[in-house]
N, C-alpha and C. Protein backbone atom coordinates (compact mmCIF):
# COMPACT_ATOMS: atom_id res chain seq x y z
N MET A 1 91.97 26.05 -89.88
CA MET A 1 93.61 26.85 -90.24
C MET A 1 94.17 26.07 -89.54
N TRP A 2 95.29 25.53 -89.90
CA TRP A 2 95.88 24.97 -89.32
C TRP A 2 97.20 25.91 -89.06
N LEU A 3 97.61 25.79 -87.74
CA LEU A 3 98.95 26.73 -86.87
C LEU A 3 100.13 25.72 -86.11
N GLU A 4 101.22 26.15 -86.32
CA GLU A 4 102.55 25.94 -86.21
C GLU A 4 103.05 26.46 -84.66
N LEU A 5 102.76 25.25 -83.65
CA LEU A 5 102.61 26.41 -82.35
C LEU A 5 103.72 25.33 -81.85
N THR A 6 104.08 25.79 -80.39
CA THR A 6 105.36 25.09 -79.69
C THR A 6 104.72 24.41 -78.70
N SER A 7 104.81 22.62 -78.51
CA SER A 7 104.62 22.17 -77.53
C SER A 7 105.24 22.52 -76.49
N GLU A 8 104.86 21.57 -74.83
CA GLU A 8 105.17 22.19 -73.41
C GLU A 8 106.54 21.67 -73.42
N ASP A 9 107.38 20.24 -74.66
CA ASP A 9 108.62 19.71 -74.44
C ASP A 9 108.85 20.67 -75.73
N GLY A 10 109.01 21.73 -76.02
CA GLY A 10 109.80 22.54 -77.24
C GLY A 10 109.66 21.81 -78.72
N GLN A 11 108.54 20.80 -79.06
CA GLN A 11 109.03 20.27 -79.94
C GLN A 11 107.36 20.86 -81.03
N PRO A 12 107.57 21.11 -82.14
CA PRO A 12 106.33 21.97 -82.90
C PRO A 12 105.28 21.15 -82.90
N ILE A 13 104.32 21.56 -83.08
CA ILE A 13 102.85 20.90 -82.90
C ILE A 13 101.74 21.47 -83.98
N PHE A 14 101.15 21.22 -85.03
CA PHE A 14 100.41 21.88 -85.68
C PHE A 14 98.68 21.38 -84.89
N VAL A 15 98.40 22.52 -84.53
CA VAL A 15 97.11 22.39 -84.25
C VAL A 15 95.73 23.19 -85.07
N ASN A 16 94.82 22.36 -85.63
CA ASN A 16 93.83 22.68 -86.34
C ASN A 16 92.71 23.62 -85.67
N MET A 17 93.31 24.76 -85.48
CA MET A 17 92.78 25.98 -85.04
C MET A 17 90.67 26.23 -85.51
N ASP A 18 90.41 25.14 -86.43
CA ASP A 18 89.19 25.27 -86.40
C ASP A 18 88.25 24.05 -85.41
N ASN A 19 88.64 23.70 -84.97
CA ASN A 19 88.08 22.80 -83.95
C ASN A 19 88.74 23.39 -82.37
N ALA A 20 88.93 24.75 -82.67
CA ALA A 20 89.43 25.24 -81.34
C ALA A 20 88.24 25.63 -80.50
N THR A 21 87.56 25.28 -79.12
CA THR A 21 86.87 26.02 -79.17
C THR A 21 86.80 26.96 -78.27
N ASP A 22 87.98 27.18 -77.60
CA ASP A 22 88.88 28.32 -76.78
C ASP A 22 89.58 28.29 -76.59
N PHE A 23 90.51 29.14 -77.04
CA PHE A 23 91.80 29.31 -75.54
C PHE A 23 92.23 30.27 -74.97
N TYR A 24 93.35 30.00 -73.95
CA TYR A 24 93.23 31.17 -73.60
C TYR A 24 94.57 30.92 -72.45
N ASP A 25 95.14 31.91 -71.80
CA ASP A 25 96.84 32.05 -71.01
C ASP A 25 96.08 31.25 -69.72
N GLY A 26 97.52 30.25 -69.52
CA GLY A 26 96.71 29.27 -68.19
C GLY A 26 97.71 30.58 -67.02
N MET A 27 97.77 30.17 -66.20
CA MET A 27 97.71 30.54 -64.81
C MET A 27 98.55 30.04 -64.18
N GLY A 28 99.57 31.43 -63.07
CA GLY A 28 100.59 31.13 -62.45
C GLY A 28 101.78 31.18 -63.21
N ASP A 29 102.79 30.94 -63.13
CA ASP A 29 104.26 30.88 -64.18
C ASP A 29 104.42 30.14 -65.41
N ALA A 30 103.60 29.30 -65.59
CA ALA A 30 103.37 28.88 -66.65
C ALA A 30 103.07 29.91 -67.63
N HIS A 31 103.66 30.38 -68.98
CA HIS A 31 103.43 31.55 -69.69
C HIS A 31 103.50 30.68 -71.27
N ARG A 32 101.83 29.94 -71.19
CA ARG A 32 101.54 29.13 -72.52
C ARG A 32 99.97 29.13 -72.48
N ALA A 33 99.32 28.92 -73.46
CA ALA A 33 98.33 29.16 -73.76
C ALA A 33 97.80 27.79 -73.97
N ILE A 34 96.41 27.51 -73.49
CA ILE A 34 95.51 26.07 -73.22
C ILE A 34 94.36 26.51 -74.29
N ILE A 35 94.51 25.62 -75.24
CA ILE A 35 93.72 25.04 -76.31
C ILE A 35 92.43 24.16 -76.05
N GLN A 36 90.96 24.73 -76.03
CA GLN A 36 90.49 23.70 -75.80
C GLN A 36 89.67 23.36 -77.37
N LEU A 37 89.76 22.03 -77.71
CA LEU A 37 89.37 21.39 -79.13
C LEU A 37 88.43 20.90 -78.81
N ALA A 38 87.68 20.88 -79.82
CA ALA A 38 86.19 19.61 -79.92
C ALA A 38 86.56 18.81 -80.61
N ILE A 39 87.51 17.97 -80.47
CA ILE A 39 87.36 16.85 -80.89
C ILE A 39 87.59 15.39 -79.50
N ASP A 40 87.77 14.23 -79.61
CA ASP A 40 88.02 13.40 -78.86
C ASP A 40 87.73 13.93 -77.30
N GLY A 41 86.45 14.20 -77.40
CA GLY A 41 85.41 14.16 -76.14
C GLY A 41 86.21 15.42 -74.97
N GLY A 42 86.57 16.95 -76.10
CA GLY A 42 87.08 17.88 -75.56
C GLY A 42 88.66 17.88 -74.90
N ARG A 43 89.22 17.76 -75.97
CA ARG A 43 90.73 17.31 -76.25
C ARG A 43 91.28 18.80 -75.84
N VAL A 44 92.24 18.71 -74.91
CA VAL A 44 93.26 19.98 -74.49
C VAL A 44 94.46 20.01 -74.72
N VAL A 45 94.97 21.24 -75.60
CA VAL A 45 96.38 20.99 -76.36
C VAL A 45 97.21 22.44 -74.88
N TYR A 46 98.83 22.17 -74.46
CA TYR A 46 99.18 23.19 -73.92
C TYR A 46 100.51 23.39 -75.31
N VAL A 47 100.47 24.91 -75.35
CA VAL A 47 101.45 25.09 -75.85
C VAL A 47 102.19 26.04 -75.23
N LYS A 48 103.20 26.73 -75.79
CA LYS A 48 104.48 27.91 -74.90
C LYS A 48 104.16 28.88 -75.42
N GLU A 49 103.01 29.23 -77.00
CA GLU A 49 102.92 30.58 -77.19
C GLU A 49 101.44 30.78 -76.55
N ARG A 50 101.12 32.34 -76.30
CA ARG A 50 100.95 33.39 -75.02
C ARG A 50 99.24 33.15 -76.00
N ALA A 51 98.22 32.95 -75.66
CA ALA A 51 96.89 33.46 -76.78
C ALA A 51 96.66 34.76 -77.52
N ARG A 52 97.47 36.14 -76.90
CA ARG A 52 97.56 37.27 -77.55
C ARG A 52 98.18 36.84 -78.86
N ASP A 53 99.35 36.00 -78.91
CA ASP A 53 100.02 35.52 -79.98
C ASP A 53 99.43 34.20 -80.79
N ILE A 54 98.58 33.51 -80.42
CA ILE A 54 98.18 32.64 -81.40
C ILE A 54 96.85 33.64 -81.62
N MET A 55 96.44 34.69 -80.94
CA MET A 55 95.24 35.54 -82.29
C MET A 55 95.88 36.39 -83.17
N ASN A 56 97.03 36.53 -83.21
CA ASN A 56 97.93 37.66 -84.02
C ASN A 56 98.05 36.62 -85.26
N MET A 57 98.81 35.27 -85.14
CA MET A 57 98.69 34.67 -85.93
C MET A 57 97.80 34.14 -86.98
N ILE A 58 96.98 33.85 -86.19
CA ILE A 58 95.68 33.44 -86.96
C ILE A 58 95.11 34.48 -87.88
N VAL A 59 95.27 36.12 -87.48
CA VAL A 59 95.37 37.11 -87.91
C VAL A 59 95.74 37.36 -89.35
N GLU A 60 97.00 37.14 -89.30
CA GLU A 60 97.66 37.44 -90.40
C GLU A 60 97.82 36.02 -91.51
N GLU A 61 97.69 34.41 -90.95
CA GLU A 61 96.26 33.39 -91.59
C GLU A 61 95.47 34.16 -92.54
N GLN A 62 94.88 34.38 -91.68
CA GLN A 62 94.15 34.81 -92.84
C GLN A 62 93.97 36.15 -93.52
N ARG A 63 94.68 37.02 -93.20
CA ARG A 63 95.12 37.61 -94.16
C ARG A 63 95.72 37.53 -95.64
N ARG A 64 97.06 36.49 -95.24
CA ARG A 64 98.11 35.61 -96.06
C ARG A 64 96.95 35.06 -97.52
N LEU A 65 95.50 34.23 -96.36
CA LEU A 65 95.11 33.15 -96.85
C LEU A 65 93.72 34.29 -98.40
N ALA A 66 93.75 35.25 -97.32
CA ALA A 66 92.70 36.24 -98.55
C ALA A 66 93.37 37.12 -99.57
N GLY A 67 94.40 37.07 -99.56
CA GLY A 67 95.36 37.39 -100.84
C GLY A 67 95.86 36.68 -102.14
N LEU A 68 95.51 35.04 -101.81
CA LEU A 68 95.70 33.86 -102.61
C LEU A 68 94.85 33.91 -103.89
N PRO A 69 94.96 32.99 -104.51
CA PRO A 69 93.66 33.20 -105.88
C PRO A 69 92.78 32.08 -105.43
N GLN A 70 91.60 32.37 -105.45
CA GLN A 70 90.63 30.75 -104.89
C GLN A 70 91.07 29.78 -105.27
N THR A 71 91.68 29.72 -106.28
CA THR A 71 91.77 27.89 -106.98
C THR A 71 92.83 27.40 -106.00
N VAL A 72 94.22 28.29 -105.44
CA VAL A 72 94.90 28.18 -104.47
C VAL A 72 94.70 27.49 -103.08
N ARG A 73 93.67 27.92 -102.80
CA ARG A 73 92.95 27.78 -101.52
C ARG A 73 92.69 26.41 -101.36
């Protein structure tokens, strides 16, 4: 599933979460999540959203998709 997140420079970035091996909040003052992707030798994407917010977005998208007719998915 694709999620629209926010890159460190404030631009929208679309991340295919089906390729994410893990994601977690960064350390220190930076309020961001670090997403490890299983592509390009383990590409890392830094986004402004927190890991908990990303998890909530995934759950909401799964609920939305579950309510769609099979032919629309």
